[in-house]
Amino acid sequence: MRQELENLLTSAPEVLNKPQLVSDDITPESACTLLSQNHERLGIASAEPEVFDLILGRYSKGPNLGLWLKGHDGDRHTENRRNRPEPIVLNSPLLSLTIMAQPEAIQSAGSHSVMRGRGMLDRFLFTLPPSPVGSRNCISKRVDHQVRKVYRAVSYTHLRA
């Protein structure tokens, strides 16, 4: 009986992680871990360019671009860290970044020479839609008479209740 139990425990399936395919505030080390847990696919999506601060070294002494550069086109990436017994090996990681920030915030991140010099910014597609400021039509169409009549009837009914 004991041998059967030992066999069962040693042949137990690998522990599965809860999938996480999108993040926004993530260090390069955590991104590497998530990539390894999610079939080497991860998306970074945010309305703010915080990921640029992390890439440029918010929690470290300097920029850490390796994973981000390699994740753009699926280059092999191996990461060894002191607190990990085994290295993480990513054979063809794909990392997508979608940043929907104000133009000034993007320009600020792009002003760092390391971002330009290593080709980080060349890996992005930038779009700058025209600003609607000062061009909105403030004159709206008149509300249909029937819609107005129903709206008043419903509104007054609720006010009386």
N, C-alpha and C. Protein backbone atom coordinates (compact mmCIF):
# COMPACT_ATOMS: atom_id res chain seq x y z
N MET A 1 0.82 -1.20 0.00
CA MET A 1 0.00 0.00 0.00
C MET A 1 0.87 1.27 0.00
N ARG A 2 1.90 1.23 0.83
CA ARG A 2 2.78 2.40 0.91
C ARG A 2 3.46 2.67 -0.44
N GLN A 3 3.92 1.63 -1.09
CA GLN A 3 4.58 1.78 -2.39
C GLN A 3 3.61 2.36 -3.42
N GLU A 4 2.36 1.95 -3.39
CA GLU A 4 1.35 2.48 -4.32
C GLU A 4 1.14 3.98 -4.08
N LEU A 5 1.09 4.37 -2.82
CA LEU A 5 0.92 5.77 -2.47
C LEU A 5 2.12 6.59 -2.93
N GLU A 6 3.32 6.09 -2.71
CA GLU A 6 4.53 6.79 -3.17
C GLU A 6 4.54 6.93 -4.68
N ASN A 7 4.15 5.87 -5.38
CA ASN A 7 4.08 5.94 -6.85
C ASN A 7 3.06 6.98 -7.30
N LEU A 8 1.94 7.02 -6.63
CA LEU A 8 0.90 7.99 -6.97
C LEU A 8 1.39 9.41 -6.75
N LEU A 9 2.08 9.65 -5.63
CA LEU A 9 2.58 11.00 -5.33
C LEU A 9 3.69 11.42 -6.28
N THR A 10 4.55 10.52 -6.64
CA THR A 10 5.65 10.88 -7.54
C THR A 10 5.19 11.04 -8.98
N SER A 11 4.05 10.45 -9.32
CA SER A 11 3.54 10.60 -10.68
C SER A 11 2.43 11.65 -10.76
N ALA A 12 2.26 12.42 -9.69
CA ALA A 12 1.22 13.45 -9.67
C ALA A 12 1.49 14.47 -10.77
N PRO A 13 0.43 14.99 -11.36
CA PRO A 13 0.63 15.98 -12.43
C PRO A 13 1.28 17.25 -11.91
N GLU A 14 1.92 17.95 -12.81
CA GLU A 14 2.57 19.22 -12.48
C GLU A 14 1.53 20.23 -11.98
N VAL A 15 1.88 20.99 -10.98
CA VAL A 15 0.97 22.00 -10.45
C VAL A 15 0.77 23.08 -11.51
N LEU A 16 -0.48 23.37 -11.80
CA LEU A 16 -0.79 24.37 -12.81
C LEU A 16 -0.92 25.75 -12.17
N ASN A 17 -0.45 26.75 -12.85
CA ASN A 17 -0.60 28.12 -12.39
C ASN A 17 -1.84 28.72 -13.02
N LYS A 18 -2.45 29.64 -12.32
CA LYS A 18 -3.58 30.36 -12.88
C LYS A 18 -3.04 31.22 -14.03
N PRO A 19 -3.61 31.08 -15.22
CA PRO A 19 -3.08 31.85 -16.36
C PRO A 19 -3.19 33.35 -16.14
N GLN A 20 -2.17 34.05 -16.53
CA GLN A 20 -2.19 35.52 -16.54
C GLN A 20 -1.48 35.95 -17.81
N LEU A 21 -2.25 36.41 -18.76
CA LEU A 21 -1.69 36.76 -20.06
C LEU A 21 -1.51 38.25 -20.23
N VAL A 22 -2.04 39.06 -19.29
CA VAL A 22 -1.93 40.52 -19.40
C VAL A 22 -1.55 41.09 -18.04
N SER A 23 -0.68 42.08 -18.06
CA SER A 23 -0.27 42.78 -16.85
C SER A 23 0.00 44.23 -17.22
N ASP A 24 0.22 45.09 -16.23
CA ASP A 24 0.59 46.47 -16.57
C ASP A 24 1.71 47.02 -15.71
N ASP A 25 1.81 46.65 -14.46
CA ASP A 25 2.86 47.13 -13.58
C ASP A 25 3.72 45.92 -13.21
N ILE A 26 4.78 45.68 -13.99
CA ILE A 26 5.51 44.43 -13.86
C ILE A 26 7.00 44.64 -14.09
N THR A 27 7.81 44.02 -13.25
CA THR A 27 9.26 44.10 -13.41
C THR A 27 9.69 43.12 -14.50
N PRO A 28 10.87 43.31 -15.07
CA PRO A 28 11.36 42.36 -16.06
C PRO A 28 11.46 40.93 -15.52
N GLU A 29 11.85 40.77 -14.26
CA GLU A 29 11.97 39.44 -13.66
C GLU A 29 10.61 38.77 -13.56
N SER A 30 9.59 39.53 -13.13
CA SER A 30 8.25 38.97 -13.04
C SER A 30 7.68 38.67 -14.42
N ALA A 31 8.01 39.52 -15.39
CA ALA A 31 7.56 39.27 -16.76
C ALA A 31 8.15 37.97 -17.28
N CYS A 32 9.41 37.71 -16.96
CA CYS A 32 10.06 36.47 -17.38
C CYS A 32 9.35 35.27 -16.76
N THR A 33 9.02 35.37 -15.48
CA THR A 33 8.31 34.29 -14.79
C THR A 33 6.96 34.05 -15.44
N LEU A 34 6.20 35.12 -15.66
CA LEU A 34 4.89 34.96 -16.29
C LEU A 34 4.99 34.37 -17.69
N LEU A 35 5.98 34.81 -18.44
CA LEU A 35 6.17 34.24 -19.78
C LEU A 35 6.41 32.73 -19.68
N SER A 36 7.23 32.31 -18.72
CA SER A 36 7.52 30.88 -18.59
C SER A 36 6.28 30.10 -18.16
N GLN A 37 5.37 30.72 -17.44
CA GLN A 37 4.17 30.04 -16.95
C GLN A 37 3.02 30.09 -17.95
N ASN A 38 3.13 30.91 -18.99
CA ASN A 38 2.02 31.11 -19.91
C ASN A 38 2.43 30.86 -21.36
N HIS A 39 3.14 29.78 -21.58
CA HIS A 39 3.54 29.38 -22.94
C HIS A 39 4.28 30.48 -23.68
N GLU A 40 5.08 31.25 -22.93
CA GLU A 40 5.96 32.28 -23.48
C GLU A 40 5.21 33.40 -24.20
N ARG A 41 4.02 33.71 -23.71
CA ARG A 41 3.21 34.79 -24.27
C ARG A 41 2.76 35.71 -23.14
N LEU A 42 2.87 37.04 -23.35
CA LEU A 42 2.43 38.00 -22.34
C LEU A 42 2.16 39.33 -23.00
N GLY A 43 1.12 39.98 -22.56
CA GLY A 43 0.80 41.32 -23.02
C GLY A 43 0.88 42.30 -21.87
N ILE A 44 1.47 43.45 -22.13
CA ILE A 44 1.51 44.54 -21.16
C ILE A 44 0.59 45.62 -21.73
N ALA A 45 -0.46 45.95 -20.99
CA ALA A 45 -1.42 46.93 -21.48
C ALA A 45 -1.72 47.92 -20.36
N SER A 46 -1.59 49.20 -20.67
CA SER A 46 -1.82 50.22 -19.66
C SER A 46 -2.15 51.56 -20.30
N ALA A 47 -2.90 52.35 -19.57
CA ALA A 47 -3.18 53.72 -20.00
C ALA A 47 -2.07 54.67 -19.57
N GLU A 48 -1.11 54.17 -18.83
CA GLU A 48 0.02 54.98 -18.38
C GLU A 48 1.32 54.27 -18.73
N PRO A 49 2.40 55.02 -18.92
CA PRO A 49 3.67 54.42 -19.34
C PRO A 49 4.54 53.94 -18.18
N GLU A 50 3.93 53.40 -17.11
CA GLU A 50 4.70 52.93 -15.95
C GLU A 50 5.73 51.87 -16.33
N VAL A 51 5.39 51.04 -17.31
CA VAL A 51 6.30 49.97 -17.70
C VAL A 51 7.63 50.55 -18.18
N PHE A 52 7.62 51.74 -18.75
CA PHE A 52 8.88 52.37 -19.17
C PHE A 52 9.74 52.68 -17.95
N ASP A 53 9.12 53.14 -16.85
CA ASP A 53 9.87 53.40 -15.62
C ASP A 53 10.52 52.11 -15.11
N LEU A 54 9.79 51.01 -15.20
CA LEU A 54 10.33 49.73 -14.75
C LEU A 54 11.45 49.26 -15.66
N ILE A 55 11.29 49.42 -16.96
CA ILE A 55 12.33 49.04 -17.91
C ILE A 55 13.59 49.86 -17.66
N LEU A 56 13.40 51.13 -17.33
CA LEU A 56 14.53 52.02 -17.11
C LEU A 56 15.16 51.86 -15.73
N GLY A 57 14.60 51.00 -14.88
CA GLY A 57 15.25 50.68 -13.63
C GLY A 57 14.66 51.31 -12.38
N ARG A 58 13.35 51.38 -12.27
CA ARG A 58 12.72 51.92 -11.05
C ARG A 58 13.20 51.18 -9.81
N TYR A 59 13.32 49.86 -9.88
CA TYR A 59 13.71 49.06 -8.72
C TYR A 59 15.13 48.51 -8.83
N SER A 60 15.87 48.95 -9.81
CA SER A 60 17.24 48.47 -9.97
C SER A 60 18.17 49.66 -10.20
N LYS A 61 19.44 49.37 -10.38
CA LYS A 61 20.42 50.45 -10.53
C LYS A 61 20.53 50.97 -11.94
N GLY A 62 19.86 50.33 -12.88
CA GLY A 62 19.94 50.77 -14.26
C GLY A 62 18.92 50.08 -15.13
N PRO A 63 18.91 50.43 -16.38
CA PRO A 63 17.95 49.85 -17.32
C PRO A 63 18.13 48.35 -17.48
N ASN A 64 17.03 47.67 -17.73
CA ASN A 64 17.04 46.23 -17.96
C ASN A 64 16.19 45.97 -19.21
N LEU A 65 16.81 46.09 -20.39
CA LEU A 65 16.07 46.01 -21.64
C LEU A 65 16.05 44.63 -22.28
N GLY A 66 16.90 43.72 -21.82
CA GLY A 66 17.09 42.44 -22.51
C GLY A 66 15.82 41.71 -22.85
N LEU A 67 14.99 41.43 -21.86
CA LEU A 67 13.77 40.66 -22.10
C LEU A 67 12.84 41.40 -23.05
N TRP A 68 12.73 42.71 -22.87
CA TRP A 68 11.81 43.50 -23.70
C TRP A 68 12.27 43.50 -25.15
N LEU A 69 13.58 43.61 -25.36
CA LEU A 69 14.10 43.60 -26.73
C LEU A 69 13.93 42.22 -27.37
N LYS A 70 14.24 41.18 -26.62
CA LYS A 70 14.13 39.82 -27.16
C LYS A 70 12.68 39.39 -27.32
N GLY A 71 11.83 39.83 -26.43
CA GLY A 71 10.42 39.46 -26.48
C GLY A 71 9.68 40.06 -27.66
N HIS A 72 10.28 41.06 -28.28
CA HIS A 72 9.65 41.68 -29.44
C HIS A 72 9.61 40.74 -30.64
N ASP A 73 10.70 40.01 -30.86
CA ASP A 73 10.74 39.15 -32.04
C ASP A 73 11.00 37.68 -31.73
N GLY A 74 10.87 37.31 -30.45
CA GLY A 74 10.96 35.89 -30.10
C GLY A 74 12.35 35.33 -29.97
N ASP A 75 13.35 36.16 -29.68
CA ASP A 75 14.71 35.66 -29.46
C ASP A 75 14.78 34.88 -28.14
N ARG A 76 15.62 33.88 -28.11
CA ARG A 76 15.82 33.07 -26.90
C ARG A 76 16.31 33.96 -25.75
N HIS A 77 15.80 33.69 -24.56
CA HIS A 77 16.17 34.46 -23.37
C HIS A 77 16.36 33.49 -22.21
N THR A 78 17.50 33.57 -21.55
CA THR A 78 17.76 32.75 -20.37
C THR A 78 18.02 33.69 -19.20
N GLU A 79 17.33 33.44 -18.10
CA GLU A 79 17.47 34.32 -16.94
C GLU A 79 17.87 33.50 -15.72
N ASN A 80 19.02 33.83 -15.16
CA ASN A 80 19.50 33.22 -13.92
C ASN A 80 19.43 34.26 -12.82
N ARG A 81 18.83 33.90 -11.70
CA ARG A 81 18.74 34.80 -10.55
C ARG A 81 19.16 34.04 -9.31
N ARG A 82 19.72 34.74 -8.35
CA ARG A 82 20.19 34.14 -7.10
C ARG A 82 19.10 33.36 -6.37
N ASN A 83 17.90 33.91 -6.36
CA ASN A 83 16.83 33.29 -5.58
C ASN A 83 16.09 32.19 -6.33
N ARG A 84 16.58 31.79 -7.51
CA ARG A 84 15.96 30.71 -8.27
C ARG A 84 16.95 29.55 -8.38
N PRO A 85 16.50 28.34 -8.05
CA PRO A 85 17.42 27.20 -8.15
C PRO A 85 17.76 26.85 -9.60
N GLU A 86 16.84 27.07 -10.50
CA GLU A 86 17.04 26.74 -11.92
C GLU A 86 16.84 28.00 -12.75
N PRO A 87 17.57 28.13 -13.85
CA PRO A 87 17.33 29.29 -14.73
C PRO A 87 15.99 29.16 -15.45
N ILE A 88 15.44 30.27 -15.84
CA ILE A 88 14.25 30.27 -16.71
C ILE A 88 14.76 30.39 -18.13
N VAL A 89 14.36 29.47 -18.96
CA VAL A 89 14.76 29.48 -20.36
C VAL A 89 13.52 29.69 -21.21
N LEU A 90 13.52 30.76 -21.96
CA LEU A 90 12.43 31.07 -22.89
C LEU A 90 12.98 30.89 -24.30
N ASN A 91 12.43 29.96 -25.04
CA ASN A 91 12.94 29.68 -26.38
C ASN A 91 12.47 30.67 -27.43
N SER A 92 11.23 31.09 -27.35
CA SER A 92 10.72 32.07 -28.32
C SER A 92 9.62 32.92 -27.68
N PRO A 93 10.00 33.75 -26.69
CA PRO A 93 9.00 34.56 -25.99
C PRO A 93 8.42 35.64 -26.90
N LEU A 94 7.13 35.87 -26.75
CA LEU A 94 6.48 36.97 -27.47
C LEU A 94 5.83 37.88 -26.45
N LEU A 95 6.27 39.11 -26.45
CA LEU A 95 5.84 40.11 -25.48
C LEU A 95 5.26 41.30 -26.23
N SER A 96 4.01 41.62 -25.96
CA SER A 96 3.36 42.76 -26.61
C SER A 96 3.13 43.87 -25.60
N LEU A 97 3.47 45.09 -25.98
CA LEU A 97 3.24 46.24 -25.13
C LEU A 97 2.24 47.16 -25.81
N THR A 98 1.20 47.54 -25.09
CA THR A 98 0.22 48.49 -25.57
C THR A 98 0.12 49.58 -24.51
N ILE A 99 0.61 50.76 -24.84
CA ILE A 99 0.61 51.88 -23.91
C ILE A 99 -0.25 52.98 -24.54
N MET A 100 -1.30 53.38 -23.83
CA MET A 100 -2.22 54.40 -24.34
C MET A 100 -2.11 55.65 -23.47
N ALA A 101 -0.99 56.31 -23.54
CA ALA A 101 -0.71 57.43 -22.64
C ALA A 101 -0.72 58.76 -23.39
N GLN A 102 -0.65 59.81 -22.62
CA GLN A 102 -0.56 61.15 -23.19
C GLN A 102 0.74 61.29 -23.97
N PRO A 103 0.74 62.05 -25.05
CA PRO A 103 1.95 62.20 -25.87
C PRO A 103 3.17 62.64 -25.07
N GLU A 104 2.98 63.54 -24.10
CA GLU A 104 4.11 64.03 -23.30
C GLU A 104 4.76 62.91 -22.50
N ALA A 105 3.94 61.98 -22.00
CA ALA A 105 4.47 60.86 -21.21
C ALA A 105 5.31 59.94 -22.10
N ILE A 106 4.86 59.70 -23.30
CA ILE A 106 5.61 58.86 -24.23
C ILE A 106 6.91 59.56 -24.63
N GLN A 107 6.83 60.87 -24.88
CA GLN A 107 8.04 61.61 -25.26
C GLN A 107 9.05 61.60 -24.12
N SER A 108 8.58 61.68 -22.89
CA SER A 108 9.49 61.66 -21.74
C SER A 108 10.24 60.33 -21.68
N ALA A 109 9.53 59.23 -21.86
CA ALA A 109 10.19 57.92 -21.84
C ALA A 109 11.17 57.80 -23.00
N GLY A 110 10.82 58.35 -24.13
CA GLY A 110 11.68 58.28 -25.31
C GLY A 110 12.88 59.17 -25.25
N SER A 111 12.92 60.08 -24.27
CA SER A 111 14.05 61.00 -24.17
C SER A 111 15.29 60.33 -23.57
N HIS A 112 15.14 59.16 -22.99
CA HIS A 112 16.28 58.44 -22.40
C HIS A 112 17.14 57.84 -23.51
N SER A 113 18.42 58.12 -23.48
CA SER A 113 19.31 57.68 -24.55
C SER A 113 19.37 56.16 -24.67
N VAL A 114 19.24 55.44 -23.56
CA VAL A 114 19.32 53.98 -23.63
C VAL A 114 18.13 53.42 -24.41
N MET A 115 16.99 54.07 -24.33
CA MET A 115 15.81 53.61 -25.07
C MET A 115 16.02 53.80 -26.57
N ARG A 116 16.67 54.88 -26.94
CA ARG A 116 16.93 55.14 -28.37
C ARG A 116 18.13 54.33 -28.85
N GLY A 117 19.18 54.30 -28.07
CA GLY A 117 20.44 53.69 -28.50
C GLY A 117 20.36 52.19 -28.70
N ARG A 118 19.55 51.50 -27.93
CA ARG A 118 19.45 50.04 -28.05
C ARG A 118 18.31 49.63 -28.97
N GLY A 119 17.61 50.59 -29.54
CA GLY A 119 16.55 50.27 -30.48
C GLY A 119 15.22 49.91 -29.86
N MET A 120 15.04 50.24 -28.58
CA MET A 120 13.79 49.90 -27.91
C MET A 120 12.60 50.61 -28.57
N LEU A 121 12.76 51.89 -28.82
CA LEU A 121 11.64 52.64 -29.39
C LEU A 121 11.35 52.25 -30.83
N ASP A 122 12.33 51.69 -31.52
CA ASP A 122 12.10 51.25 -32.89
C ASP A 122 11.17 50.05 -32.96
N ARG A 123 10.92 49.42 -31.83
CA ARG A 123 10.08 48.23 -31.81
C ARG A 123 8.61 48.57 -31.56
N PHE A 124 8.30 49.83 -31.45
CA PHE A 124 6.92 50.25 -31.19
C PHE A 124 6.31 50.89 -32.43
N LEU A 125 5.01 50.74 -32.54
CA LEU A 125 4.24 51.46 -33.54
C LEU A 125 3.54 52.58 -32.79
N PHE A 126 3.86 53.81 -33.15
CA PHE A 126 3.26 54.96 -32.48
C PHE A 126 2.14 55.53 -33.35
N THR A 127 1.03 55.83 -32.72
CA THR A 127 -0.04 56.54 -33.42
C THR A 127 -0.44 57.72 -32.56
N LEU A 128 -0.68 58.81 -33.18
CA LEU A 128 -1.10 60.02 -32.48
C LEU A 128 -2.34 60.56 -33.19
N PRO A 129 -3.52 60.19 -32.70
CA PRO A 129 -4.73 60.66 -33.35
C PRO A 129 -4.87 62.17 -33.20
N PRO A 130 -5.55 62.81 -34.14
CA PRO A 130 -5.73 64.26 -34.02
C PRO A 130 -6.54 64.59 -32.77
N SER A 131 -6.17 65.66 -32.12
CA SER A 131 -6.87 66.08 -30.90
C SER A 131 -8.23 66.68 -31.25
N PRO A 132 -9.29 66.26 -30.54
CA PRO A 132 -10.60 66.84 -30.79
C PRO A 132 -10.83 68.17 -30.05
N VAL A 133 -9.83 68.63 -29.31
CA VAL A 133 -9.97 69.87 -28.55
C VAL A 133 -10.21 71.04 -29.51
N GLY A 134 -11.28 71.76 -29.25
CA GLY A 134 -11.61 72.93 -30.07
C GLY A 134 -12.34 72.59 -31.36
N SER A 135 -12.63 71.33 -31.58
CA SER A 135 -13.30 70.99 -32.83
C SER A 135 -14.59 70.21 -32.62
N ARG A 136 -15.07 70.17 -31.41
CA ARG A 136 -16.31 69.43 -31.15
C ARG A 136 -17.52 70.25 -31.59
N ASN A 137 -18.53 69.55 -32.09
CA ASN A 137 -19.78 70.19 -32.47
C ASN A 137 -20.65 70.27 -31.23
N CYS A 138 -20.87 71.47 -30.73
CA CYS A 138 -21.63 71.64 -29.50
C CYS A 138 -23.14 71.73 -29.74
N ILE A 139 -23.55 71.84 -30.99
CA ILE A 139 -24.97 71.94 -31.30
C ILE A 139 -25.47 70.55 -31.67
N SER A 140 -26.34 70.03 -30.81
CA SER A 140 -26.85 68.68 -31.05
C SER A 140 -28.17 68.73 -31.80
N LYS A 141 -28.56 67.58 -32.30
CA LYS A 141 -29.84 67.47 -33.00
C LYS A 141 -30.96 67.56 -31.98
N ARG A 142 -32.09 68.02 -32.43
CA ARG A 142 -33.25 68.10 -31.55
C ARG A 142 -33.74 66.70 -31.21
N VAL A 143 -34.20 66.53 -29.97
CA VAL A 143 -34.74 65.25 -29.54
C VAL A 143 -36.10 65.06 -30.19
N ASP A 144 -36.35 63.87 -30.72
CA ASP A 144 -37.61 63.54 -31.37
C ASP A 144 -38.77 63.78 -30.40
N HIS A 145 -39.89 64.30 -30.92
CA HIS A 145 -41.05 64.65 -30.10
C HIS A 145 -41.57 63.43 -29.34
N GLN A 146 -41.67 62.27 -29.99
CA GLN A 146 -42.17 61.06 -29.34
C GLN A 146 -41.24 60.61 -28.21
N VAL A 147 -39.93 60.69 -28.43
CA VAL A 147 -38.96 60.32 -27.39
C VAL A 147 -39.10 61.25 -26.19
N ARG A 148 -39.26 62.55 -26.45
CA ARG A 148 -39.42 63.53 -25.37
C ARG A 148 -40.68 63.24 -24.56
N LYS A 149 -41.78 62.89 -25.23
CA LYS A 149 -43.07 62.62 -24.59
C LYS A 149 -42.95 61.39 -23.67
N VAL A 150 -42.33 60.31 -24.16
CA VAL A 150 -42.16 59.10 -23.35
C VAL A 150 -41.24 59.39 -22.16
N TYR A 151 -40.16 60.13 -22.39
CA TYR A 151 -39.23 60.46 -21.32
C TYR A 151 -39.94 61.22 -20.20
N ARG A 152 -40.72 62.22 -20.56
CA ARG A 152 -41.45 63.00 -19.55
C ARG A 152 -42.42 62.14 -18.78
N ALA A 153 -43.13 61.27 -19.49
CA ALA A 153 -44.11 60.41 -18.82
C ALA A 153 -43.43 59.50 -17.82
N VAL A 154 -42.34 58.90 -18.20
CA VAL A 154 -41.62 58.00 -17.30
C VAL A 154 -41.00 58.77 -16.15
N SER A 155 -40.41 59.93 -16.42
CA SER A 155 -39.76 60.72 -15.38
C SER A 155 -40.77 61.21 -14.35
N TYR A 156 -41.89 61.73 -14.80
CA TYR A 156 -42.87 62.25 -13.86
C TYR A 156 -43.52 61.14 -13.07
N THR A 157 -43.67 59.96 -13.66
CA THR A 157 -44.24 58.83 -12.94
C THR A 157 -43.33 58.45 -11.76
N HIS A 158 -42.03 58.44 -11.99
CA HIS A 158 -41.08 58.10 -10.92
C HIS A 158 -41.00 59.19 -9.87
N LEU A 159 -41.18 60.45 -10.25
CA LEU A 159 -41.15 61.54 -9.28
C LEU A 159 -42.36 61.50 -8.36
N ARG A 160 -43.50 61.08 -8.88
CA ARG A 160 -44.71 61.04 -8.06
C ARG A 160 -44.70 59.86 -7.10
N ALA A 161 -43.96 58.83 -7.40
CA ALA A 161 -44.00 57.60 -6.57
C ALA A 161 -43.32 57.78 -5.25
